[in-house]
C-alpha atoms as a PDB file:
ATOM      1  CA  UNK A   1      94.899  55.165  87.189  1.00  0.00           C
ATOM      2  CA  UNK A   2      94.284  58.669  85.690  1.00  0.00           C
ATOM      3  CA  UNK A   3      96.293  61.376  86.960  1.00  0.00           C
ATOM      4  CA  UNK A   4      95.197  64.874  88.283  1.00  0.00           C
ATOM      5  CA  UNK A   5      96.959  67.627  86.096  1.00  0.00           C
ATOM      6  CA  UNK A   6      99.272  69.477  87.964  1.00  0.00           C
ATOM      7  CA  UNK A   7      98.237  73.113  88.611  1.00  0.00           C
ATOM      8  CA  UNK A   8     100.123  75.817  86.233  1.00  0.00           C
ATOM      9  CA  UNK A   9     100.376  78.473  88.874  1.00  0.00           C
ATOM     10  CA  UNK A  10     103.391  77.332  90.918  1.00  0.00           C
ATOM     11  CA  UNK A  11     105.439  77.452  87.973  1.00  0.00           C
ATOM     12  CA  UNK A  12     104.065  80.979  86.807  1.00  0.00           C
ATOM     13  CA  UNK A  13     104.643  82.215  90.294  1.00  0.00           C
ATOM     14  CA  UNK A  14     107.926  81.149  90.116  1.00  0.00           C
ATOM     15  CA  UNK A  15     108.785  82.572  86.725  1.00  0.00           C
ATOM     16  CA  UNK A  16     107.272  85.878  87.674  1.00  0.00           C
ATOM     17  CA  UNK A  17     109.383  85.847  90.922  1.00  0.00           C
ATOM     18  CA  UNK A  18     112.614  85.351  88.600  1.00  0.00           C
ATOM     19  CA  UNK A  19     111.516  88.105  85.901  1.00  0.00           C
ATOM     20  CA  UNK A  20     111.221  90.540  88.840  1.00  0.00           C
ATOM     21  CA  UNK A  21     114.519  89.620  90.420  1.00  0.00           C
ATOM     22  CA  UNK A  22     115.918  90.168  86.806  1.00  0.00           C
ATOM     23  CA  UNK A  23     114.476  93.549  86.239  1.00  0.00           C
ATOM     24  CA  UNK A  24     115.335  94.886  89.712  1.00  0.00           C
ATOM     25  CA  UNK A  25     119.194  93.457  89.538  1.00  0.00           C
ATOM     26  CA  UNK A  26     120.425  96.818  87.402  1.00  0.00           C
ATOM     27  CA  UNK A  27     119.080  99.026  89.834  1.00  0.00           C
ATOM     28  CA  UNK A  28     120.742  97.071  92.837  1.00  0.00           C
ATOM     29  CA  UNK A  29     123.772  96.753  90.595  1.00  0.00           C
ATOM     30  CA  UNK A  30     124.008 100.635  90.357  1.00  0.00           C
ATOM     31  CA  UNK A  31     124.769 101.142  94.089  1.00  0.00           C
ATOM     32  CA  UNK A  32     122.944 103.128  96.815  1.00  0.00           C
ATOM     33  CA  UNK A  33     120.464 105.723  95.471  1.00  0.00           C
ATOM     34  CA  UNK A  34     122.719 108.465  97.289  1.00  0.00           C
ATOM     35  CA  UNK A  35     125.406 107.561  94.632  1.00  0.00           C
ATOM     36  CA  UNK A  36     124.891 110.582  92.793  1.00  0.00           C
ATOM     37  CA  UNK A  37     126.821 112.360  95.204  1.00  0.00           C
ATOM     38  CA  UNK A  38     130.180 111.274  93.579  1.00  0.00           C
ATOM     39  CA  UNK A  39     129.467 113.387  90.522  1.00  0.00           C
ATOM     40  CA  UNK A  40     128.286 116.661  92.264  1.00  0.00           C
ATOM     41  CA  UNK A  41     128.930 118.215  95.678  1.00  0.00           C
ATOM     42  CA  UNK A  42     126.710 117.283  98.343  1.00  0.00           C
ATOM     43  CA  UNK A  43     126.477 118.795 101.765  1.00  0.00           C
ATOM     44  CA  UNK A  44     125.287 118.351 105.370  1.00  0.00           C
ATOM     45  CA  UNK A  45     121.738 119.823 105.732  1.00  0.00           C
ATOM     46  CA  UNK A  46     123.435 122.569 108.346  1.00  0.00           C
ATOM     47  CA  UNK A  47     126.510 123.445 105.984  1.00  0.00           C
ATOM     48  CA  UNK A  48     124.028 123.533 102.904  1.00  0.00           C
ATOM     49  CA  UNK A  49     122.060 125.967 104.611  1.00  0.00           C
ATOM     50  CA  UNK A  50     124.958 128.320 105.417  1.00  0.00           C
ATOM     51  CA  UNK A  51     126.297 127.967 101.718  1.00  0.00           C
ATOM     52  CA  UNK A  52     123.031 128.634 100.029  1.00  0.00           C
ATOM     53  CA  UNK A  53     122.614 132.115 102.214  1.00  0.00           C
ATOM     54  CA  UNK A  54     126.141 132.811 101.400  1.00  0.00           C
ATOM     55  CA  UNK A  55     125.764 132.048  97.584  1.00  0.00           C
ATOM     56  CA  UNK A  56     122.078 133.445  97.327  1.00  0.00           C
ATOM     57  CA  UNK A  57     121.264 129.609  95.936  1.00  0.00           C
ATOM     58  CA  UNK A  58     118.444 127.523  96.551  1.00  0.00           C
ATOM     59  CA  UNK A  59     118.775 123.972  98.408  1.00  0.00           C
ATOM     60  CA  UNK A  60     117.952 120.573  96.880  1.00  0.00           C
ATOM     61  CA  UNK A  61     117.248 118.334  99.762  1.00  0.00           C
ATOM     62  CA  UNK A  62     117.008 114.521  98.621  1.00  0.00           C
ATOM     63  CA  UNK A  63     115.441 112.097 100.668  1.00  0.00           C
ATOM     64  CA  UNK A  64     116.057 108.217  99.806  1.00  0.00           C
ATOM     65  CA  UNK A  65     116.556 104.713 101.436  1.00  0.00           C
ATOM     66  CA  UNK A  66     118.833 101.892 100.455  1.00  0.00           C
ATOM     67  CA  UNK A  67     115.916  99.571 100.042  1.00  0.00           C
ATOM     68  CA  UNK A  68     113.803 101.885  97.760  1.00  0.00           C
ATOM     69  CA  UNK A  69     113.801 100.994  94.231  1.00  0.00           C
ATOM     70  CA  UNK A  70     112.327 104.034  93.175  1.00  0.00           C
ATOM     71  CA  UNK A  71     114.869 105.881  94.675  1.00  0.00           C
ATOM     72  CA  UNK A  72     117.652 103.738  93.015  1.00  0.00           C
ATOM     73  CA  UNK A  73     115.741 104.454  89.357  1.00  0.00           C
ATOM     74  CA  UNK A  74     115.215 107.996  90.123  1.00  0.00           C
ATOM     75  CA  UNK A  75     119.088 108.498  90.860  1.00  0.00           C
ATOM     76  CA  UNK A  76     120.214 106.342  87.767  1.00  0.00           C
ATOM     77  CA  UNK A  77     117.529 107.917  85.354  1.00  0.00           C
ATOM     78  CA  UNK A  78     117.695 111.486  86.541  1.00  0.00           C
ATOM     79  CA  UNK A  79     120.364 112.497  88.883  1.00  0.00           C
ATOM     80  CA  UNK A  80     122.644 110.932  86.829  1.00  0.00           C
ATOM     81  CA  UNK A  81     121.757 113.041  83.749  1.00  0.00           C
ATOM     82  CA  UNK A  82     124.605 115.358  82.714  1.00  0.00           C
ATOM     83  CA  UNK A  83     122.283 118.128  82.036  1.00  0.00           C
ATOM     84  CA  UNK A  84     120.642 117.847  85.685  1.00  0.00           C
ATOM     85  CA  UNK A  85     123.688 117.550  87.285  1.00  0.00           C
ATOM     86  CA  UNK A  86     125.253 120.850  85.379  1.00  0.00           C
ATOM     87  CA  UNK A  87     121.966 122.494  86.682  1.00  0.00           C
ATOM     88  CA  UNK A  88     122.257 121.412  90.074  1.00  0.00           C
ATOM     89  CA  UNK A  89     125.825 122.226  90.544  1.00  0.00           C
ATOM     90  CA  UNK A  90     125.518 125.855  89.055  1.00  0.00           C
ATOM     91  CA  UNK A  91     122.441 126.984  90.990  1.00  0.00           C
ATOM     92  CA  UNK A  92     121.593 124.686  93.775  1.00  0.00           C
ATOM     93  CA  UNK A  93     123.043 123.650  97.000  1.00  0.00           C
ATOM     94  CA  UNK A  94     122.492 119.658  97.205  1.00  0.00           C
ATOM     95  CA  UNK A  95     121.891 117.786 100.130  1.00  0.00           C
ATOM     96  CA  UNK A  96     121.443 113.867 100.014  1.00  0.00           C
ATOM     97  CA  UNK A  97     119.955 112.379 102.949  1.00  0.00           C
ATOM     98  CA  UNK A  98     119.384 108.574 103.838  1.00  0.00           C
ATOM     99  CA  UNK A  99     116.275 108.741 105.386  1.00  0.00           C
ATOM    100  CA  UNK A 100     116.756 105.512 107.546  1.00  0.00           C
ATOM    101  CA  UNK A 101     119.812 106.920 109.153  1.00  0.00           C
ATOM    102  CA  UNK A 102     118.707 110.636 109.653  1.00  0.00           C
ATOM    103  CA  UNK A 103     115.030 110.011 110.690  1.00  0.00           C
ATOM    104  CA  UNK A 104     115.136 113.105 112.698  1.00  0.00           C
ATOM    105  CA  UNK A 105     115.947 115.246 109.488  1.00  0.00           C
ATOM    106  CA  UNK A 106     112.872 113.239 107.648  1.00  0.00           C
ATOM    107  CA  UNK A 107     110.327 114.112 110.654  1.00  0.00           C
ATOM    108  CA  UNK A 108     111.430 117.526 110.408  1.00  0.00           C
ATOM    109  CA  UNK A 109     110.512 118.024 106.742  1.00  0.00           C
ATOM    110  CA  UNK A 110     107.691 115.407 107.335  1.00  0.00           C
ATOM    111  CA  UNK A 111     108.746 112.869 104.766  1.00  0.00           C
ATOM    112  CA  UNK A 112     105.662 110.491 104.291  1.00  0.00           C
ATOM    113  CA  UNK A 113     107.515 108.346 101.794  1.00  0.00           C
ATOM    114  CA  UNK A 114     110.896 108.083  99.602  1.00  0.00           C
ATOM    115  CA  UNK A 115     111.795 109.338  97.134  1.00  0.00           C
ATOM    116  CA  UNK A 116     110.923 112.545  98.526  1.00  0.00           C
ATOM    117  CA  UNK A 117     112.463 115.624  97.170  1.00  0.00           C
ATOM    118  CA  UNK A 118     112.240 119.053  99.114  1.00  0.00           C
ATOM    119  CA  UNK A 119     113.464 122.451  98.227  1.00  0.00           C
ATOM    120  CA  UNK A 120     114.361 125.448  99.959  1.00  0.00           C
ATOM    121  CA  UNK A 121     114.915 129.229  99.320  1.00  0.00           C
ATOM    122  CA  UNK A 122     118.375 130.615 100.298  1.00  0.00           C
ATOM    123  CA  UNK A 123     117.003 131.498 103.756  1.00  0.00           C
ATOM    124  CA  UNK A 124     116.250 128.224 104.306  1.00  0.00           C
ATOM    125  CA  UNK A 125     112.228 128.147 104.151  1.00  0.00           C
ATOM    126  CA  UNK A 126     110.512 125.132 102.377  1.00  0.00           C
ATOM    127  CA  UNK A 127     109.003 126.370  98.910  1.00  0.00           C
ATOM    128  CA  UNK A 128     108.448 122.911  97.465  1.00  0.00           C
ATOM    129  CA  UNK A 129     108.490 119.379  97.601  1.00  0.00           C
ATOM    130  CA  UNK A 130     107.856 116.435  95.229  1.00  0.00           C
ATOM    131  CA  UNK A 131     106.765 113.414  97.041  1.00  0.00           C
ATOM    132  CA  UNK A 132     107.732 110.828  94.690  1.00  0.00           C
ATOM    133  CA  UNK A 133     110.002 110.357  91.612  1.00  0.00           C
ATOM    134  CA  UNK A 134     109.404 112.188  88.484  1.00  0.00           C
ATOM    135  CA  UNK A 135     110.881 112.101  84.959  1.00  0.00           C
ATOM    136  CA  UNK A 136     114.023 114.203  84.066  1.00  0.00           C
ATOM    137  CA  UNK A 137     112.263 116.961  81.939  1.00  0.00           C
ATOM    138  CA  UNK A 138     109.599 117.354  84.828  1.00  0.00           C
ATOM    139  CA  UNK A 139     112.577 117.475  87.312  1.00  0.00           C
ATOM    140  CA  UNK A 140     114.437 119.920  85.155  1.00  0.00           C
ATOM    141  CA  UNK A 141     111.334 122.016  84.690  1.00  0.00           C
ATOM    142  CA  UNK A 142     110.790 122.293  88.451  1.00  0.00           C
ATOM    143  CA  UNK A 143     114.233 123.060  89.055  1.00  0.00           C
ATOM    144  CA  UNK A 144     113.862 126.186  86.852  1.00  0.00           C
ATOM    145  CA  UNK A 145     110.655 126.969  88.357  1.00  0.00           C
ATOM    146  CA  UNK A 146     112.284 127.463  91.571  1.00  0.00           C
ATOM    147  CA  UNK A 147     115.719 129.020  90.272  1.00  0.00           C
ATOM    148  CA  UNK A 148     113.866 131.816  88.599  1.00  0.00           C
ATOM    149  CA  UNK A 149     111.823 132.413  91.727  1.00  0.00           C
ATOM    150  CA  UNK A 150     108.609 131.939  89.700  1.00  0.00           C
ATOM    151  CA  UNK A 151     106.881 130.084  92.621  1.00  0.00           C
ATOM    152  CA  UNK A 152     106.713 133.539  94.557  1.00  0.00           C
ATOM    153  CA  UNK A 153     104.063 134.763  91.952  1.00  0.00           C
ATOM    154  CA  UNK A 154     103.005 131.788  89.892  1.00  0.00           C
ATOM    155  CA  UNK A 155     101.957 127.756  90.722  1.00  0.00           C
ATOM    156  CA  UNK A 156     103.895 125.565  88.928  1.00  0.00           C
ATOM    157  CA  UNK A 157     101.227 124.672  86.288  1.00  0.00           C
ATOM    158  CA  UNK A 158     101.062 128.411  85.161  1.00  0.00           C
ATOM    159  CA  UNK A 159     104.793 128.565  85.303  1.00  0.00           C
ATOM    160  CA  UNK A 160     104.683 125.546  82.875  1.00  0.00           C
ATOM    161  CA  UNK A 161     102.113 127.232  80.615  1.00  0.00           C
ATOM    162  CA  UNK A 162     103.732 130.501  80.503  1.00  0.00           C
ATOM    163  CA  UNK A 163     106.558 128.644  78.512  1.00  0.00           C
ATOM    164  CA  UNK A 164     104.213 127.620  75.876  1.00  0.00           C
END
């Protein structure tokens, strides 16, 4: 009696799941998306606002969750960069917020999804936000845009074009 061939899709599905698990493993092994806080001083939201005003620095508020692979990738590939850590330490007061645990603060900033990067001026006013993970070079440009106060007179695109 002739046998019906077995469909190939169950094996392909299994192979795909194994590939996804292996691809995500390094991100999980790196630890929490908030782990960059071990390399740079981070503060509570209220303390950051006090320090920013006293030191005349901008505030970088990083919203993340433990289950967010994009947050882990952003932390690992961008926030772990020594140049970015040095820039943040010198020019910003940093707040790392687990949006699952600090829902009230996430609602206050109207965080639609994570990662969400909010930027405040030294007086605590929201002056910019990036609603997604970005590459290190883009992030560094945005930090410079804020540090120089260029946001008060130029859009980000005009700022970048002025550098060329």
